[in-house]
N, C-alpha and C. Protein backbone atom coordinates (compact mmCIF):
# COMPACT_ATOMS: atom_id res chain seq x y z
N MET A 1 143.89 72.13 60.97
CA MET A 1 142.85 71.54 60.17
C MET A 1 143.40 70.40 59.33
N ASN A 2 144.36 69.69 59.88
CA ASN A 2 144.94 68.55 59.18
C ASN A 2 144.23 67.25 59.53
N ASN A 3 143.30 67.31 60.45
CA ASN A 3 142.59 66.12 60.90
C ASN A 3 141.51 65.74 59.87
N PRO A 4 141.62 64.58 59.20
CA PRO A 4 140.64 64.21 58.16
C PRO A 4 139.23 64.01 58.71
N ILE A 5 139.08 63.60 59.94
CA ILE A 5 137.74 63.41 60.52
C ILE A 5 137.05 64.77 60.67
N LEU A 6 137.78 65.77 61.07
CA LEU A 6 137.21 67.12 61.22
C LEU A 6 136.79 67.69 59.86
N ILE A 7 137.58 67.44 58.84
CA ILE A 7 137.26 67.92 57.49
C ILE A 7 135.99 67.23 56.98
N VAL A 8 135.89 65.91 57.15
CA VAL A 8 134.71 65.17 56.72
C VAL A 8 133.48 65.64 57.49
N ALA A 9 133.62 65.91 58.78
CA ALA A 9 132.50 66.39 59.59
C ALA A 9 132.01 67.75 59.10
N CYS A 10 132.94 68.66 58.80
CA CYS A 10 132.57 69.99 58.30
C CYS A 10 131.87 69.89 56.95
N ILE A 11 132.37 69.04 56.07
CA ILE A 11 131.74 68.86 54.76
C ILE A 11 130.35 68.26 54.93
N SER A 12 130.20 67.28 55.81
CA SER A 12 128.90 66.64 56.05
C SER A 12 127.87 67.62 56.59
N VAL A 13 128.28 68.45 57.54
CA VAL A 13 127.37 69.44 58.11
C VAL A 13 126.97 70.45 57.04
N THR A 14 127.92 70.89 56.24
CA THR A 14 127.62 71.86 55.19
C THR A 14 126.65 71.27 54.15
N VAL A 15 126.90 70.04 53.72
CA VAL A 15 126.02 69.39 52.76
C VAL A 15 124.63 69.20 53.37
N GLY A 16 124.54 68.83 54.63
CA GLY A 16 123.25 68.65 55.30
C GLY A 16 122.46 69.95 55.38
N ILE A 17 123.14 71.04 55.70
CA ILE A 17 122.47 72.34 55.78
C ILE A 17 121.97 72.77 54.40
N VAL A 18 122.80 72.60 53.37
CA VAL A 18 122.41 72.97 52.01
C VAL A 18 121.22 72.12 51.55
N CYS A 19 121.27 70.81 51.76
CA CYS A 19 120.16 69.93 51.35
C CYS A 19 118.88 70.28 52.10
N GLY A 20 118.97 70.53 53.39
CA GLY A 20 117.80 70.92 54.18
C GLY A 20 117.20 72.22 53.69
N ALA A 21 118.06 73.19 53.38
CA ALA A 21 117.57 74.48 52.86
C ALA A 21 116.88 74.30 51.51
N LEU A 22 117.41 73.43 50.65
CA LEU A 22 116.78 73.17 49.35
C LEU A 22 115.41 72.52 49.52
N VAL A 23 115.29 71.59 50.43
CA VAL A 23 113.99 70.93 50.67
C VAL A 23 112.97 71.96 51.17
N VAL A 24 113.38 72.80 52.11
CA VAL A 24 112.47 73.83 52.62
C VAL A 24 112.07 74.79 51.50
N TRP A 25 112.99 75.15 50.64
CA TRP A 25 112.71 76.05 49.53
C TRP A 25 111.73 75.42 48.54
N PHE A 26 111.91 74.12 48.22
CA PHE A 26 110.99 73.43 47.31
C PHE A 26 109.60 73.33 47.92
N ILE A 27 109.50 73.05 49.20
CA ILE A 27 108.19 73.00 49.87
C ILE A 27 107.53 74.37 49.83
N TYR A 28 108.28 75.42 50.07
CA TYR A 28 107.75 76.78 50.02
C TYR A 28 107.20 77.10 48.63
N LEU A 29 107.96 76.76 47.58
CA LEU A 29 107.51 77.01 46.21
C LEU A 29 106.24 76.20 45.89
N HIS A 30 106.21 74.95 46.32
CA HIS A 30 105.04 74.11 46.06
C HIS A 30 103.80 74.67 46.75
N ARG A 31 103.93 75.13 47.97
CA ARG A 31 102.78 75.66 48.71
C ARG A 31 102.26 76.96 48.14
N GLN A 32 103.13 77.72 47.46
CA GLN A 32 102.68 78.97 46.85
C GLN A 32 101.70 78.71 45.72
N TYR A 33 101.87 77.61 45.00
CA TYR A 33 101.04 77.32 43.84
C TYR A 33 99.92 76.33 44.13
N THR A 34 99.78 75.91 45.36
CA THR A 34 98.73 74.98 45.75
C THR A 34 97.62 75.76 46.44
N GLU A 35 96.40 75.61 45.93
CA GLU A 35 95.26 76.28 46.54
C GLU A 35 94.51 75.29 47.42
N VAL A 36 94.38 75.62 48.67
CA VAL A 36 93.66 74.78 49.61
C VAL A 36 92.33 75.47 49.91
N ASP A 37 91.24 74.78 49.58
CA ASP A 37 89.92 75.36 49.78
C ASP A 37 88.96 74.25 50.17
N SER A 38 88.56 74.23 51.42
CA SER A 38 87.64 73.19 51.87
C SER A 38 86.20 73.70 51.95
N LEU A 39 85.97 74.93 51.53
CA LEU A 39 84.64 75.50 51.57
C LEU A 39 83.76 74.82 50.52
N VAL A 40 82.57 74.41 50.93
CA VAL A 40 81.62 73.77 50.00
C VAL A 40 80.68 74.85 49.49
N ARG A 41 80.73 75.09 48.20
CA ARG A 41 79.86 76.09 47.57
C ARG A 41 78.71 75.37 46.86
N SER A 42 77.68 76.15 46.56
CA SER A 42 76.50 75.54 45.93
C SER A 42 76.83 74.93 44.57
N ASN A 43 77.75 75.52 43.82
CA ASN A 43 78.07 74.94 42.51
C ASN A 43 78.80 73.61 42.63
N HIS A 44 79.32 73.29 43.80
CA HIS A 44 79.94 71.98 44.03
C HIS A 44 78.88 70.91 44.31
N VAL A 45 77.68 71.33 44.74
CA VAL A 45 76.66 70.39 45.20
C VAL A 45 75.52 70.23 44.19
N ILE A 46 75.09 71.32 43.58
CA ILE A 46 73.95 71.27 42.65
C ILE A 46 74.31 70.39 41.45
N GLY A 47 73.41 69.47 41.15
CA GLY A 47 73.63 68.55 40.04
C GLY A 47 74.25 67.23 40.46
N ARG A 48 74.61 67.10 41.71
CA ARG A 48 75.20 65.85 42.21
C ARG A 48 74.10 64.94 42.74
N VAL A 49 74.41 63.66 42.74
CA VAL A 49 73.49 62.66 43.27
C VAL A 49 73.87 62.38 44.72
N GLY A 50 72.86 62.32 45.58
CA GLY A 50 73.08 62.02 46.98
C GLY A 50 72.28 60.79 47.41
N ILE A 51 72.62 60.27 48.57
CA ILE A 51 71.93 59.11 49.14
C ILE A 51 71.18 59.57 50.39
N VAL A 52 69.92 59.19 50.48
CA VAL A 52 69.09 59.57 51.63
C VAL A 52 69.56 58.80 52.87
N GLU A 53 69.81 59.53 53.93
CA GLU A 53 70.20 58.95 55.22
C GLU A 53 69.03 58.95 56.20
N ILE A 54 68.27 60.04 56.22
CA ILE A 54 67.07 60.13 57.06
C ILE A 54 65.89 60.39 56.13
N PRO A 55 64.88 59.49 56.11
CA PRO A 55 63.75 59.61 55.19
C PRO A 55 63.00 60.94 55.37
N PHE A 56 62.40 61.41 54.28
CA PHE A 56 61.64 62.66 54.31
C PHE A 56 60.66 62.69 53.14
N ASP A 57 59.75 63.67 53.21
CA ASP A 57 58.80 63.90 52.11
C ASP A 57 58.59 65.40 52.00
N SER A 58 57.55 65.81 51.27
CA SER A 58 57.34 67.24 51.04
C SER A 58 56.91 67.99 52.30
N ASN A 59 56.45 67.26 53.35
CA ASN A 59 56.02 67.88 54.59
C ASN A 59 57.07 67.85 55.69
N SER A 60 58.20 67.23 55.43
CA SER A 60 59.24 67.13 56.46
C SER A 60 60.61 67.27 55.80
N GLN A 61 61.60 67.41 56.64
CA GLN A 61 62.96 67.46 56.11
C GLN A 61 63.72 66.23 56.56
N GLY A 62 64.70 65.86 55.78
CA GLY A 62 65.51 64.70 56.11
C GLY A 62 66.98 65.03 55.96
N LYS A 63 67.76 64.00 55.71
CA LYS A 63 69.20 64.21 55.56
C LYS A 63 69.69 63.37 54.40
N ILE A 64 70.56 63.97 53.57
CA ILE A 64 71.19 63.22 52.49
C ILE A 64 72.70 63.35 52.63
N ARG A 65 73.40 62.42 52.01
CA ARG A 65 74.86 62.42 52.02
C ARG A 65 75.33 62.52 50.57
N VAL A 66 76.21 63.50 50.31
CA VAL A 66 76.70 63.78 48.95
C VAL A 66 78.22 63.73 48.97
N ASN A 67 78.79 63.17 47.92
CA ASN A 67 80.25 63.16 47.76
C ASN A 67 80.66 64.48 47.11
N VAL A 68 81.34 65.33 47.87
CA VAL A 68 81.78 66.63 47.38
C VAL A 68 83.29 66.73 47.56
N LYS A 69 83.99 66.93 46.46
CA LYS A 69 85.45 67.10 46.49
C LYS A 69 86.14 65.93 47.19
N GLY A 70 85.63 64.75 47.01
CA GLY A 70 86.25 63.57 47.60
C GLY A 70 85.88 63.30 49.04
N SER A 71 84.99 64.08 49.62
CA SER A 71 84.55 63.88 51.00
C SER A 71 83.04 63.72 51.03
N LEU A 72 82.57 62.92 51.97
CA LEU A 72 81.12 62.75 52.15
C LEU A 72 80.61 63.85 53.07
N VAL A 73 79.63 64.60 52.57
CA VAL A 73 79.08 65.74 53.32
C VAL A 73 77.58 65.51 53.49
N ASP A 74 77.09 65.72 54.71
CA ASP A 74 75.67 65.58 55.00
C ASP A 74 74.98 66.94 54.91
N PHE A 75 73.76 66.93 54.34
CA PHE A 75 72.96 68.14 54.23
C PHE A 75 71.54 67.85 54.68
N LEU A 76 70.87 68.88 55.24
CA LEU A 76 69.44 68.79 55.47
C LEU A 76 68.79 68.87 54.11
N ALA A 77 67.78 68.03 53.88
CA ALA A 77 67.17 67.95 52.55
C ALA A 77 65.67 68.21 52.61
N LEU A 78 65.20 68.91 51.59
CA LEU A 78 63.78 69.21 51.41
C LEU A 78 63.40 68.86 49.98
N THR A 79 62.11 68.67 49.75
CA THR A 79 61.65 68.39 48.40
C THR A 79 60.27 69.00 48.18
N ASP A 80 59.94 69.25 46.92
CA ASP A 80 58.61 69.70 46.54
C ASP A 80 57.81 68.57 45.93
N GLU A 81 58.41 67.43 45.74
CA GLU A 81 57.74 66.28 45.13
C GLU A 81 56.79 65.62 46.13
N ALA A 82 55.76 65.00 45.61
CA ALA A 82 54.73 64.37 46.45
C ALA A 82 55.19 63.04 47.05
N GLN A 83 56.22 62.45 46.51
CA GLN A 83 56.65 61.13 46.99
C GLN A 83 57.51 61.23 48.25
N GLU A 84 57.61 60.08 48.93
CA GLU A 84 58.47 60.00 50.11
C GLU A 84 59.80 59.37 49.69
N PHE A 85 60.87 59.91 50.20
CA PHE A 85 62.20 59.37 49.93
C PHE A 85 62.62 58.53 51.13
N SER A 86 62.88 57.26 50.89
CA SER A 86 63.26 56.36 51.97
C SER A 86 64.78 56.25 52.05
N LYS A 87 65.25 55.69 53.16
CA LYS A 87 66.69 55.54 53.38
C LYS A 87 67.31 54.72 52.25
N GLY A 88 68.40 55.23 51.71
CA GLY A 88 69.10 54.54 50.63
C GLY A 88 68.69 54.99 49.24
N SER A 89 67.60 55.78 49.14
CA SER A 89 67.17 56.28 47.83
C SER A 89 68.21 57.25 47.27
N ARG A 90 68.31 57.25 45.95
CA ARG A 90 69.21 58.18 45.28
C ARG A 90 68.40 59.41 44.87
N VAL A 91 68.92 60.59 45.17
CA VAL A 91 68.24 61.84 44.84
C VAL A 91 69.22 62.77 44.13
N LEU A 92 68.68 63.68 43.36
CA LEU A 92 69.47 64.67 42.65
C LEU A 92 69.29 66.02 43.31
N VAL A 93 70.39 66.68 43.64
CA VAL A 93 70.32 68.00 44.26
C VAL A 93 70.04 69.03 43.17
N VAL A 94 68.95 69.80 43.35
CA VAL A 94 68.56 70.78 42.34
C VAL A 94 68.76 72.22 42.81
N ALA A 95 68.87 72.45 44.12
CA ALA A 95 69.08 73.80 44.64
C ALA A 95 69.70 73.71 46.02
N MET A 96 70.32 74.81 46.43
CA MET A 96 70.93 74.85 47.76
C MET A 96 70.78 76.26 48.32
N LYS A 97 70.39 76.34 49.60
CA LYS A 97 70.32 77.62 50.28
C LYS A 97 70.81 77.40 51.70
N GLY A 98 71.91 78.05 52.04
CA GLY A 98 72.53 77.83 53.34
C GLY A 98 73.05 76.41 53.42
N ASN A 99 72.67 75.71 54.48
CA ASN A 99 73.10 74.31 54.62
C ASN A 99 71.99 73.33 54.25
N LYS A 100 70.94 73.82 53.58
CA LYS A 100 69.83 72.96 53.15
C LYS A 100 69.84 72.82 51.64
N VAL A 101 69.46 71.63 51.18
CA VAL A 101 69.39 71.38 49.75
C VAL A 101 67.98 70.94 49.38
N TRP A 102 67.57 71.30 48.18
CA TRP A 102 66.31 70.84 47.62
C TRP A 102 66.64 69.76 46.62
N VAL A 103 65.90 68.66 46.71
CA VAL A 103 66.22 67.51 45.88
C VAL A 103 65.00 67.06 45.08
N ALA A 104 65.29 66.30 44.04
CA ALA A 104 64.26 65.65 43.23
C ALA A 104 64.69 64.20 43.06
N SER A 105 63.71 63.35 42.78
CA SER A 105 64.07 61.94 42.58
C SER A 105 64.94 61.83 41.33
N GLU A 106 65.84 60.92 41.36
CA GLU A 106 66.76 60.74 40.25
C GLU A 106 66.02 60.34 38.97
N SER A 107 64.88 59.66 39.12
CA SER A 107 64.12 59.19 37.96
C SER A 107 63.51 60.34 37.16
N VAL A 108 63.29 61.49 37.78
CA VAL A 108 62.73 62.66 37.07
C VAL A 108 63.65 63.06 35.92
N PHE A 109 64.94 62.90 36.09
CA PHE A 109 65.89 63.35 35.09
C PHE A 109 66.31 62.25 34.11
N ASP A 110 65.76 61.05 34.30
CA ASP A 110 66.05 59.94 33.38
C ASP A 110 65.18 60.00 32.13
N ARG A 111 64.12 60.80 32.17
CA ARG A 111 63.18 60.85 31.05
C ARG A 111 63.79 61.48 29.84
């Protein structure tokens, strides 16, 4: 073991293994304390403003797009209001059941 190249190679391999093990350990610790949850619950949607994608009124259903947790999510939309919601209108989500949301015009809550 008098060969300096062999000694440097052994030290390099040992340092590489130790550094790799430390990185894996830090990633493991980080993942233990990180909660990943992509499930959209009603409390994430109710009270948010959405944009109408497919027009609808009280006699039909349409589609709205809402920003939830940094992602755009589409929902089937219904309303009890007498007015028609056209594409691009802003609506407020007031209730959610399953994958459908009930909305009201944003102006109702401006009063």
